[in-house]
Protein backbone atom coordinates (compact mmCIF):
# COMPACT_ATOMS: atom_id res chain seq x y z
CA MET A 1 -58.89 -33.86 48.26
CA LYS A 2 -60.51 -36.12 45.66
CA ILE A 3 -60.51 -35.52 41.91
CA LYS A 4 -63.57 -36.84 40.07
CA PHE A 5 -64.70 -36.83 36.44
CA ALA A 6 -68.22 -36.36 35.11
CA SER A 7 -70.01 -35.58 31.85
CA ALA A 8 -72.57 -33.19 33.40
CA ASN A 9 -72.47 -30.34 35.92
CA PRO A 10 -73.15 -31.34 39.55
CA SER A 11 -76.04 -29.46 41.16
CA THR A 12 -74.24 -28.46 44.36
CA GLY A 13 -71.15 -26.53 45.40
CA SER A 14 -69.22 -23.96 43.39
CA LEU A 15 -68.90 -23.86 39.61
CA ALA A 16 -65.78 -22.75 37.69
CA VAL A 17 -65.78 -21.99 33.95
CA PRO A 18 -62.77 -21.21 31.73
CA VAL A 19 -62.19 -17.74 30.29
CA PHE A 20 -59.47 -17.08 27.71
CA GLU A 21 -57.24 -14.02 27.53
CA LYS A 22 -58.86 -10.72 26.59
CA SER A 23 -61.87 -11.87 28.63
CA THR A 24 -63.06 -14.23 25.89
CA LEU A 25 -65.64 -16.58 27.36
CA SER A 26 -65.40 -20.32 26.64
CA ASP A 27 -68.55 -22.14 25.50
CA ALA A 28 -69.15 -23.28 29.07
CA ALA A 29 -68.68 -19.75 30.39
CA LYS A 30 -71.12 -18.39 27.80
CA ALA A 31 -73.77 -20.92 28.83
CA VAL A 32 -73.38 -20.17 32.53
CA ASP A 33 -73.26 -16.42 31.87
CA LYS A 34 -76.54 -16.64 29.97
CA ALA A 35 -78.21 -18.69 32.70
CA ALA A 36 -77.01 -16.21 35.32
CA GLY A 37 -78.34 -13.20 33.43
CA GLY A 38 -74.95 -11.94 32.26
CA ALA A 39 -73.39 -12.00 35.74
CA ILE A 40 -69.97 -13.11 34.47
CA THR A 41 -69.81 -10.44 31.78
CA ARG A 42 -70.79 -7.71 34.26
CA ALA A 43 -68.29 -8.91 36.87
CA ILE A 44 -65.45 -8.94 34.33
CA LYS A 45 -66.29 -5.38 33.21
CA ALA A 46 -66.26 -4.25 36.84
CA SER A 47 -62.84 -5.80 37.57
CA ARG A 48 -59.30 -6.10 36.22
CA PHE A 49 -59.79 -9.75 35.34
CA SER A 50 -58.50 -10.42 31.81
CA GLY A 51 -58.36 -14.22 31.48
CA LYS A 52 -54.62 -14.62 32.01
CA ALA A 53 -53.68 -18.13 33.13
CA GLY A 54 -54.41 -18.59 36.83
CA GLU A 55 -56.57 -15.50 37.33
CA THR A 56 -59.84 -16.06 39.19
CA LEU A 57 -62.97 -13.95 39.64
CA GLU A 58 -65.70 -15.07 42.05
CA ILE A 59 -69.41 -14.27 41.89
CA TYR A 60 -71.29 -15.24 45.06
CA ALA A 61 -74.88 -16.52 45.24
CA PRO A 62 -75.59 -16.07 41.53
CA ALA A 63 -79.18 -16.10 40.31
CA GLY A 64 -80.30 -18.58 37.68
CA VAL A 65 -77.76 -21.35 38.38
CA ASP A 66 -77.58 -24.12 41.00
CA ALA A 67 -74.23 -23.08 42.45
CA ASN A 68 -73.09 -21.33 45.61
CA ARG A 69 -70.71 -19.27 43.52
CA ILE A 70 -69.43 -18.97 39.97
CA ILE A 71 -65.70 -18.66 39.37
CA ALA A 72 -64.36 -17.27 36.12
CA LEU A 73 -61.03 -19.06 35.67
CA GLY A 74 -58.36 -17.58 33.42
CA VAL A 75 -56.67 -20.21 31.25
CA GLY A 76 -54.56 -18.01 28.96
CA ALA A 77 -54.54 -17.49 25.22
CA LYS A 78 -56.97 -19.60 23.20
CA GLY A 79 -55.16 -22.17 21.08
CA LYS A 80 -51.97 -21.93 23.15
CA LEU A 81 -52.95 -24.04 26.14
CA ASP A 82 -50.38 -26.55 27.44
CA GLY A 83 -50.15 -29.04 30.27
CA ASN A 84 -48.08 -26.82 32.57
CA GLY A 85 -50.43 -23.89 32.02
CA PHE A 86 -53.41 -26.08 32.82
CA GLU A 87 -51.72 -27.38 35.95
CA LYS A 88 -51.13 -23.82 37.13
CA ALA A 89 -54.72 -22.84 36.35
CA GLY A 90 -56.02 -25.76 38.41
CA ALA A 91 -53.60 -24.96 41.22
CA SER A 92 -54.58 -21.27 41.31
CA LEU A 93 -58.25 -22.17 41.45
CA VAL A 94 -57.81 -24.60 44.35
CA LYS A 95 -55.47 -22.23 46.19
CA SER A 96 -58.14 -19.52 46.11
CA LEU A 97 -60.88 -21.84 47.43
CA LEU A 98 -59.03 -24.29 49.67
CA THR A 99 -59.96 -22.70 53.01
CA GLY A 100 -62.97 -20.66 51.83
CA GLY A 101 -65.66 -22.84 53.36
CA GLU A 102 -66.74 -24.61 50.17
CA THR A 103 -66.55 -28.42 50.12
CA ASP A 104 -67.42 -29.18 46.49
CA LEU A 105 -66.19 -27.60 43.27
CA ALA A 106 -67.05 -28.41 39.66
CA VAL A 107 -64.89 -27.20 36.78
CA VAL A 108 -66.41 -27.30 33.30
CA LEU A 109 -63.65 -28.22 30.83
CA THR A 110 -65.84 -29.43 27.95
CA THR A 111 -64.65 -28.27 24.50
CA VAL A 112 -61.57 -26.72 26.18
CA ALA A 113 -59.48 -29.70 27.33
CA ASP A 114 -59.08 -33.30 26.17
CA ALA A 115 -58.77 -36.11 28.72
CA GLU A 116 -55.00 -35.77 29.10
CA MET A 117 -55.16 -32.00 29.57
CA ALA A 118 -58.01 -32.34 32.05
CA ALA A 119 -55.95 -34.84 34.04
CA ARG A 120 -53.06 -32.37 34.13
CA PHE A 121 -55.53 -29.79 35.44
CA GLY A 122 -56.44 -32.28 38.17
CA LEU A 123 -52.77 -32.76 38.98
CA GLY A 124 -52.44 -29.01 39.50
CA CYS A 125 -55.46 -29.11 41.83
CA ARG A 126 -53.90 -31.88 43.90
CA LEU A 127 -50.50 -30.20 44.08
CA ALA A 128 -52.07 -26.98 45.36
CA ALA A 129 -54.20 -28.81 47.92
CA TYR A 130 -51.16 -30.24 49.73
CA ARG A 131 -50.80 -29.27 53.39
CA PHE A 132 -48.58 -30.56 56.18
CA ASP A 133 -50.72 -30.04 59.27
CA ALA A 134 -50.00 -33.31 61.07
CA TYR A 135 -48.56 -31.59 64.17
CA ARG A 136 -50.84 -28.51 64.34
CA THR A 137 -53.20 -29.34 67.20
CA LYS A 138 -54.68 -25.86 67.67
CA LEU A 139 -55.32 -24.83 64.07
CA ASP A 140 -58.38 -22.59 63.83
CA ASP A 141 -61.24 -24.05 61.77
CA SER A 142 -61.16 -21.03 59.45
CA LYS A 143 -57.61 -21.97 58.45
CA LYS A 144 -58.31 -25.64 57.82
CA PRO A 145 -58.89 -26.84 54.25
CA SER A 146 -62.59 -27.16 53.51
CA LEU A 147 -62.50 -28.20 49.85
CA LYS A 148 -62.97 -31.97 49.67
CA ASN A 149 -64.05 -32.77 46.10
CA VAL A 150 -63.18 -31.34 42.69
CA THR A 151 -65.28 -32.67 39.80
CA LEU A 152 -63.92 -32.09 36.30
CA VAL A 153 -66.70 -31.98 33.72
CA VAL A 154 -65.31 -33.28 30.43
CA ASP A 155 -66.47 -34.42 27.00
CA ASP A 156 -65.35 -38.03 27.57
CA GLU A 157 -65.79 -39.09 31.19
CA LYS A 158 -64.33 -42.56 30.65
CA ALA A 159 -61.17 -41.20 28.99
CA GLY A 160 -60.79 -38.62 31.75
CA LYS A 161 -60.92 -41.26 34.45
CA ALA A 162 -58.38 -43.40 32.57
CA ALA A 163 -55.96 -40.47 32.22
CA TRP A 164 -56.36 -39.59 35.89
CA LYS A 165 -55.28 -43.05 37.00
CA SER A 166 -51.85 -42.20 35.66
CA TRP A 167 -51.57 -38.57 36.75
CA GLY A 168 -53.27 -39.25 40.08
CA ALA A 169 -50.48 -41.72 40.86
CA VAL A 170 -47.96 -38.95 40.20
CA ALA A 171 -49.84 -36.67 42.62
CA ASP A 172 -49.67 -39.44 45.23
CA GLY A 173 -45.92 -39.75 44.67
CA VAL A 174 -45.36 -36.01 45.05
CA ASP A 175 -47.47 -35.89 48.21
CA LEU A 176 -45.43 -38.73 49.71
CA ALA A 177 -42.13 -37.03 48.85
CA ARG A 178 -43.34 -33.78 50.41
CA ASP A 179 -44.48 -35.54 53.57
CA LEU A 180 -41.10 -37.21 53.95
CA VAL A 181 -39.18 -33.94 53.62
CA ASN A 182 -41.51 -32.12 56.03
CA GLU A 183 -41.47 -34.77 58.77
CA PRO A 184 -39.44 -33.71 61.84
CA PRO A 185 -36.11 -35.51 62.24
CA ASN A 186 -37.03 -36.99 65.62
CA VAL A 187 -39.88 -38.82 63.83
CA LEU A 188 -38.32 -39.67 60.47
CA THR A 189 -35.16 -41.36 61.72
CA PRO A 190 -33.28 -43.73 59.39
CA PRO A 191 -34.93 -46.86 60.88
CA ALA A 192 -38.40 -45.23 60.89
CA TYR A 193 -37.89 -44.05 57.31
CA ALA A 194 -36.96 -47.57 56.19
CA LYS A 195 -40.04 -48.98 57.88
CA LYS A 196 -42.24 -46.39 56.16
CA VAL A 197 -40.86 -47.38 52.76
CA GLN A 198 -41.54 -51.04 53.52
CA GLY A 199 -45.23 -50.14 53.60
CA LEU A 200 -45.08 -49.51 49.84
CA ALA A 201 -44.89 -53.25 49.29
CA ASP A 202 -48.71 -53.11 49.23
CA LEU A 203 -48.43 -51.43 45.81
CA GLY A 204 -46.37 -54.26 44.37
CA LEU A 205 -42.89 -52.92 45.10
CA GLU A 206 -40.27 -55.37 46.34
CA ILE A 207 -38.47 -53.83 49.33
CA GLU A 208 -35.13 -54.86 50.81
CA VAL A 209 -33.51 -53.16 53.81
CA LEU A 210 -29.83 -53.51 54.70
CA GLY A 211 -28.75 -52.63 58.23
CA GLU A 212 -25.29 -51.72 59.47
CA LYS A 213 -24.22 -55.33 59.87
CA GLU A 214 -25.01 -56.14 56.23
CA MET A 215 -23.44 -52.91 54.97
CA LYS A 216 -20.28 -53.52 57.00
CA LYS A 217 -19.97 -56.92 55.37
CA LEU A 218 -20.27 -55.28 51.93
CA GLY A 219 -17.58 -52.75 52.79
CA MET A 220 -19.80 -49.63 52.78
CA ASN A 221 -17.49 -47.72 55.07
CA ALA A 222 -18.07 -44.36 53.35
CA LEU A 223 -21.80 -44.44 54.12
CA LEU A 224 -21.33 -45.97 57.57
CA GLY A 225 -18.74 -43.35 58.51
CA VAL A 226 -21.33 -40.58 58.14
CA GLY A 227 -23.73 -42.21 60.58
CA GLN A 228 -21.24 -43.44 63.18
CA GLY A 229 -21.81 -40.40 65.40
CA SER A 230 -25.52 -41.13 65.71
CA VAL A 231 -27.20 -43.54 68.10
CA LEU A 232 -29.60 -44.40 65.25
CA GLU A 233 -28.67 -47.20 62.88
CA SER A 234 -27.99 -46.32 59.25
CA GLN A 235 -29.97 -48.12 56.55
CA LEU A 236 -29.82 -48.84 52.84
CA VAL A 237 -33.25 -49.37 51.28
CA ILE A 238 -33.75 -50.98 47.87
CA MET A 239 -37.08 -50.73 46.02
CA LYS A 240 -37.81 -52.78 42.90
CA TRP A 241 -40.62 -52.30 40.40
CA ASN A 242 -40.88 -55.04 37.78
CA GLY A 243 -43.35 -53.62 35.28
CA GLY A 244 -41.33 -54.16 32.13
CA LYS A 245 -40.25 -57.19 30.14
CA LYS A 246 -38.41 -59.93 31.97
CA GLY A 247 -34.70 -59.58 31.31
CA ASP A 248 -34.83 -55.86 30.48
CA LYS A 249 -32.22 -53.91 32.42
CA PRO A 250 -33.73 -51.78 35.18
CA LEU A 251 -33.66 -48.00 35.30
CA ALA A 252 -31.86 -47.04 38.50
CA PHE A 253 -32.52 -44.06 40.75
CA VAL A 254 -30.38 -43.36 43.82
CA GLY A 255 -31.15 -40.82 46.55
CA LYS A 256 -29.25 -39.16 49.35
CA GLY A 257 -31.14 -39.69 52.61
CA VAL A 258 -29.43 -37.72 55.37
CA CYS A 259 -32.38 -37.55 57.75
CA PHE A 260 -30.71 -34.80 59.73
CA ASP A 261 -27.43 -33.09 58.94
CA SER A 262 -25.80 -31.23 61.79
CA GLY A 263 -22.57 -31.13 59.80
CA GLY A 264 -20.99 -33.56 62.25
CA ILE A 265 -17.70 -32.44 63.80
CA SER A 266 -17.58 -29.72 61.08
CA LEU A 267 -20.70 -28.31 62.76
CA LYS A 268 -23.07 -26.12 60.77
CA PRO A 269 -24.10 -22.68 62.10
CA GLY A 270 -27.11 -22.88 64.41
CA GLN A 271 -29.25 -20.48 62.40
CA GLY A 272 -31.20 -22.40 59.80
CA MET A 273 -29.93 -25.79 60.97
CA ASP A 274 -33.54 -26.89 61.50
CA GLU A 275 -33.96 -26.97 57.71
CA MET A 276 -31.46 -29.81 57.57
CA LYS A 277 -34.34 -32.18 58.30
CA GLY A 278 -34.83 -31.82 54.53
CA ASP A 279 -31.36 -33.04 53.63
CA MET A 280 -32.99 -36.31 52.59
CA GLY A 281 -34.90 -34.62 49.74
CA GLY A 282 -33.10 -36.69 47.10
CA SER A 283 -34.20 -39.92 48.74
CA ALA A 284 -37.75 -38.56 49.09
CA ALA A 285 -37.86 -37.92 45.35
CA VAL A 286 -36.76 -41.50 44.65
CA VAL A 287 -39.37 -42.92 47.03
CA GLY A 288 -42.06 -40.68 45.53
CA LEU A 289 -41.06 -41.72 42.02
CA MET A 290 -41.17 -45.42 42.85
CA ARG A 291 -44.59 -44.91 44.44
CA ALA A 292 -45.76 -43.14 41.26
CA LEU A 293 -44.38 -45.85 38.94
CA ALA A 294 -46.04 -48.60 40.97
CA GLY A 295 -49.27 -46.64 41.32
CA ARG A 296 -49.69 -46.15 37.59
CA LYS A 297 -48.32 -49.62 36.71
CA ALA A 298 -45.49 -48.21 34.60
CA LYS A 299 -44.25 -50.59 31.91
CA VAL A 300 -40.61 -50.46 32.98
CA ASN A 301 -38.28 -52.24 35.36
CA ALA A 302 -36.96 -49.77 37.92
CA ILE A 303 -34.71 -49.81 40.97
CA GLY A 304 -34.74 -47.18 43.70
CA VAL A 305 -31.88 -47.12 46.21
CA ILE A 306 -31.70 -44.73 49.17
CA GLY A 307 -28.95 -44.41 51.77
CA LEU A 308 -30.38 -43.31 55.12
CA VAL A 309 -28.13 -41.84 57.80
CA GLU A 310 -28.04 -39.19 60.50
CA ASN A 311 -24.94 -36.97 60.64
CA MET A 312 -24.30 -35.99 64.26
CA PRO A 313 -21.41 -34.67 66.41
CA ASP A 314 -20.37 -37.23 69.01
CA GLY A 315 -17.32 -38.75 70.66
CA ASN A 316 -17.59 -41.55 68.11
CA ALA A 317 -18.27 -39.27 65.13
CA GLN A 318 -16.14 -39.23 62.01
CA ARG A 319 -13.30 -36.69 62.22
CA PRO A 320 -11.68 -34.37 59.69
CA GLY A 321 -8.48 -36.17 58.76
CA ASP A 322 -9.97 -39.68 58.85
CA ILE A 323 -9.46 -41.94 55.84
CA VAL A 324 -12.19 -44.45 54.95
CA THR A 325 -12.27 -47.25 52.40
CA SER A 326 -15.44 -47.22 50.30
CA MET A 327 -17.21 -50.30 48.94
CA SER A 328 -15.40 -49.78 45.63
CA GLY A 329 -12.04 -50.15 47.38
CA GLN A 330 -11.18 -46.51 46.74
CA THR A 331 -9.99 -44.57 49.78
CA ILE A 332 -11.33 -41.17 50.81
CA GLU A 333 -9.65 -38.56 53.00
CA ILE A 334 -12.30 -36.77 55.06
CA LEU A 335 -11.44 -33.08 55.21
CA ASN A 336 -14.92 -31.82 56.11
CA THR A 337 -17.58 -33.97 57.78
CA ASP A 338 -20.27 -31.66 56.38
CA ALA A 339 -19.48 -32.92 52.88
CA GLU A 340 -21.25 -36.12 53.85
CA GLY A 341 -23.88 -36.65 51.18
CA ARG A 342 -21.32 -37.67 48.56
CA LEU A 343 -20.00 -40.30 50.97
CA VAL A 344 -23.48 -41.81 51.34
CA LEU A 345 -24.00 -41.76 47.58
CA ALA A 346 -20.57 -43.21 46.83
CA ASP A 347 -21.43 -46.59 48.36
CA ALA A 348 -25.06 -46.49 47.22
CA LEU A 349 -23.99 -45.82 43.61
CA TRP A 350 -21.33 -48.51 43.63
CA HIS A 351 -23.72 -51.10 45.07
CA THR A 352 -26.38 -50.18 42.49
CA GLN A 353 -24.14 -50.58 39.45
CA LYS A 354 -22.52 -53.74 40.77
CA GLU A 355 -25.63 -55.53 42.02
CA PHE A 356 -28.22 -54.59 39.39
CA ASP A 357 -26.30 -53.71 36.18
CA PRO A 358 -28.87 -51.01 35.30
CA GLU A 359 -29.55 -49.28 31.99
CA PHE A 360 -28.43 -46.05 33.63
CA ILE A 361 -28.14 -44.46 37.07
CA ILE A 362 -29.65 -41.11 38.04
CA ASP A 363 -28.91 -39.84 41.53
CA LEU A 364 -30.61 -36.97 43.34
CA ALA A 365 -29.27 -35.08 46.32
CA THR A 366 -29.53 -31.82 48.21
CA LEU A 367 -25.78 -31.83 47.82
CA THR A 368 -24.20 -28.38 47.67
CA GLY A 369 -24.90 -24.81 48.66
CA ALA A 370 -22.86 -23.86 45.62
CA ILE A 371 -25.71 -24.91 43.29
CA LEU A 372 -27.86 -22.21 44.91
CA ILE A 373 -25.22 -19.62 44.06
CA ALA A 374 -25.12 -20.83 40.47
CA LEU A 375 -28.81 -21.47 39.72
CA GLY A 376 -30.89 -20.17 42.61
CA HIS A 377 -34.19 -21.95 43.18
CA GLU A 378 -35.33 -22.01 39.57
CA HIS A 379 -33.31 -24.89 38.15
CA ALA A 380 -31.68 -28.02 39.52
CA GLY A 381 -28.15 -28.64 38.31
CA ILE A 382 -27.44 -31.77 36.29
CA PHE A 383 -24.04 -33.35 35.67
CA SER A 384 -23.70 -36.32 33.35
CA ASN A 385 -21.35 -38.57 31.42
CA ASP A 386 -24.13 -39.26 28.89
CA ASP A 387 -25.58 -36.70 26.47
CA LYS A 388 -28.75 -38.72 25.81
CA ILE A 389 -29.71 -38.76 29.49
CA ALA A 390 -28.89 -35.07 29.94
CA GLU A 391 -30.94 -34.08 26.88
CA GLY A 392 -33.83 -36.28 27.96
CA LEU A 393 -33.87 -34.75 31.44
CA THR A 394 -33.73 -31.24 29.99
CA LYS A 395 -36.81 -31.93 27.85
CA ALA A 396 -38.58 -33.67 30.73
CA GLY A 397 -37.82 -30.65 32.92
CA LEU A 398 -39.54 -28.31 30.50
CA ALA A 399 -42.51 -30.69 30.07
CA SER A 400 -42.99 -31.10 33.84
CA ASP A 401 -41.99 -27.57 34.91
CA GLU A 402 -39.24 -29.04 37.10
CA LYS A 403 -36.46 -27.44 35.12
CA VAL A 404 -32.79 -28.47 35.04
CA TRP A 405 -29.59 -26.89 33.73
CA ARG A 406 -26.56 -28.89 32.67
CA LEU A 407 -23.16 -28.05 34.14
CA PRO A 408 -19.85 -29.66 33.16
CA VAL A 409 -17.83 -32.53 34.53
CA GLY A 410 -14.41 -33.46 33.20
CA PRO A 411 -10.92 -34.64 34.10
CA GLU A 412 -9.68 -31.07 34.51
CA TYR A 413 -11.65 -30.90 37.76
CA ASP A 414 -10.13 -34.11 39.17
CA ARG A 415 -7.06 -32.33 40.52
CA GLN A 416 -9.28 -30.46 42.97
CA ILE A 417 -10.35 -33.69 44.70
CA ASP A 418 -7.09 -35.65 44.40
CA SER A 419 -5.54 -36.27 47.82
CA PRO A 420 -1.84 -36.60 48.67
CA VAL A 421 -2.59 -39.33 51.22
CA ALA A 422 -5.60 -41.20 49.77
CA ASP A 423 -7.27 -41.83 46.41
CA MET A 424 -9.37 -38.69 46.83
CA LYS A 425 -10.58 -36.15 49.35
CA ASN A 426 -14.22 -35.33 50.01
CA ILE A 427 -14.06 -31.60 49.22
CA GLY A 428 -12.48 -29.53 46.49
CA GLU A 429 -10.23 -26.49 46.76
CA GLY A 430 -11.90 -23.59 48.53
CA ARG A 431 -15.14 -22.25 47.07
CA LEU A 432 -14.31 -22.85 43.41
CA ALA A 433 -16.70 -25.05 41.35
CA GLY A 434 -18.09 -26.71 44.48
CA SER A 435 -21.06 -28.36 42.77
CA ILE A 436 -18.88 -29.62 39.93
CA THR A 437 -16.22 -31.14 42.15
CA ALA A 438 -18.96 -32.89 44.16
CA ALA A 439 -20.31 -34.38 40.93
CA GLN A 440 -16.80 -35.28 39.85
CA PHE A 441 -16.41 -37.19 43.12
CA LEU A 442 -19.63 -39.14 42.48
CA GLN A 443 -18.62 -40.02 38.94
CA ARG A 444 -15.77 -42.10 40.36
CA TYR A 445 -18.37 -44.51 41.77
CA VAL A 446 -20.51 -45.29 38.73
CA ASN A 447 -17.87 -47.50 37.08
CA GLY A 448 -18.50 -46.14 33.59
CA LYS A 449 -22.29 -46.65 33.65
CA PRO A 450 -24.43 -44.00 31.91
CA TRP A 451 -25.10 -41.64 34.79
CA CYS A 452 -26.51 -38.29 35.78
CA HIS A 453 -26.33 -36.45 39.10
CA ILE A 454 -29.10 -33.97 39.94
CA ASP A 455 -28.27 -31.42 42.64
CA ILE A 456 -31.62 -30.32 44.12
CA ALA A 457 -30.34 -28.22 47.02
CA GLY A 458 -32.10 -25.17 45.53
CA THR A 459 -35.29 -26.84 44.34
CA GLY A 460 -36.06 -29.53 46.91
CA MET A 461 -36.55 -27.09 49.82
CA TRP A 462 -38.05 -23.71 48.95
CA ALA A 463 -40.19 -21.37 51.02
CA GLY A 464 -40.48 -18.42 48.63
CA SER A 465 -42.03 -19.78 45.45
CA LYS A 466 -45.01 -17.98 43.92
CA ASP A 467 -45.96 -21.07 41.88
CA PRO A 468 -49.39 -22.12 43.25
CA ARG A 469 -48.42 -25.77 42.81
CA LEU A 470 -45.62 -25.51 45.38
CA PRO A 471 -46.02 -25.56 49.17
CA THR A 472 -43.81 -24.01 51.81
CA PHE A 473 -40.54 -25.93 52.28
CA GLY A 474 -40.60 -29.53 51.00
CA THR A 475 -41.51 -29.27 47.31
CA GLY A 476 -41.30 -32.93 46.26
CA TYR A 477 -39.04 -31.82 43.41
CA GLY A 478 -37.85 -34.65 41.20
CA VAL A 479 -40.93 -36.88 41.16
CA ARG A 480 -42.63 -35.13 38.25
CA LEU A 481 -39.32 -34.63 36.44
CA LEU A 482 -38.27 -38.27 36.58
CA ASP A 483 -41.75 -39.64 35.95
CA ARG A 484 -41.90 -37.54 32.77
CA PHE A 485 -38.39 -38.67 31.79
CA VAL A 486 -39.45 -42.32 32.12
CA ARG A 487 -42.75 -41.77 30.25
CA ASP A 488 -41.16 -40.02 27.31
CA ASN A 489 -38.05 -42.15 26.86
CA TYR A 490 -38.54 -45.67 28.23
CA GLU A 491 -42.22 -46.61 28.07
CA LYS A 492 -43.42 -47.93 24.74
């Protein structure tokens, strides 16, 4: 679906006008209401529509206006509009019209939204329009999206288009992340995933792919151990965006990319195992972010690193009781092969800090079920050795509506992952503080660099959200959060 900007109302399609709370018509709504002989006012009186953010009220075949239908769009309290509210309003509008037969929609935002706010409205429209129908060959026409174009009518068309270049790139990044999470695991294998990322070189990203031979030479035995039960070769993909000043340290983002997680020898229960195609959600967020940064020509240097593996049971699979030597030289006793994501990240984190000497490292992973017990689906958990990064991510979470909640790390948790036969073990003691001990494990591989771990097990895959911006399953969580974090803290 395309987002366009204009300074005048198109003469075809449907027409949406903002209405504030308590059914207060905006200037645009008043003008359309007058032209339509008071149709909006009468429809509001005959309904329970009140102008709350996201509410819609449709009037079909109205007289006096060149539109197939008029939509009264609730945008909330006048004077209290914000970017997230505008995103939700745009998403609600598109959600209500997406499969309704209409192809063109105009939304009159003059006098209500500046260019930046209008672009956020467009972002909400794009987020709500997302579908993953690539493998649905018998989808009835009535269930297919019909809406093709959304035109935002604004006071300053040029400024609106300029703002959309930036936010449209974010929408592209989120769409890519969602596609990656939703792809079936027989299609998005580690080698196929790496090849897909290589296609982003067209946007100006520098892409490097390390295969098993190169990783073996570097000593990445923690990552390689996870994938040794699969017939598919593990990969490490490095993406570079050089949009900042030459010599500035890069911002580093690392993602867990377990393309399918059976649990390995510590096999998961069969029920729900299909969802483990999404166990690469952290890597998808990193890829989506790098696509967004390149697409909007962000004025920063950034590195994205993703470790891609498949965790399978096999005669050659890693066993509980094995001891592996990671790239850092630290040894790890494997007590549960389903605690595999931290092993992938261990080598990816170490390589990132050693090879690129970044300003900081932020890693994302669908890492622990324990984070769901602690925070549900509403917040991702963050764990950091740096207050500035944690505070910045908290603010970025509120600004982007991808919220985070900080949980502790500290030496008192180390005893839970200390091993009597190796430097550490890959799980803690029982069910206690499972998300924290996983983060504590990762912290041993950042070598003192400013770092934050984001556990997105509850937010990266979610089928029950009522937020109109979110689809079923792969949410693309992390792209908007990290893009906002970069915008607000590192772009001058």
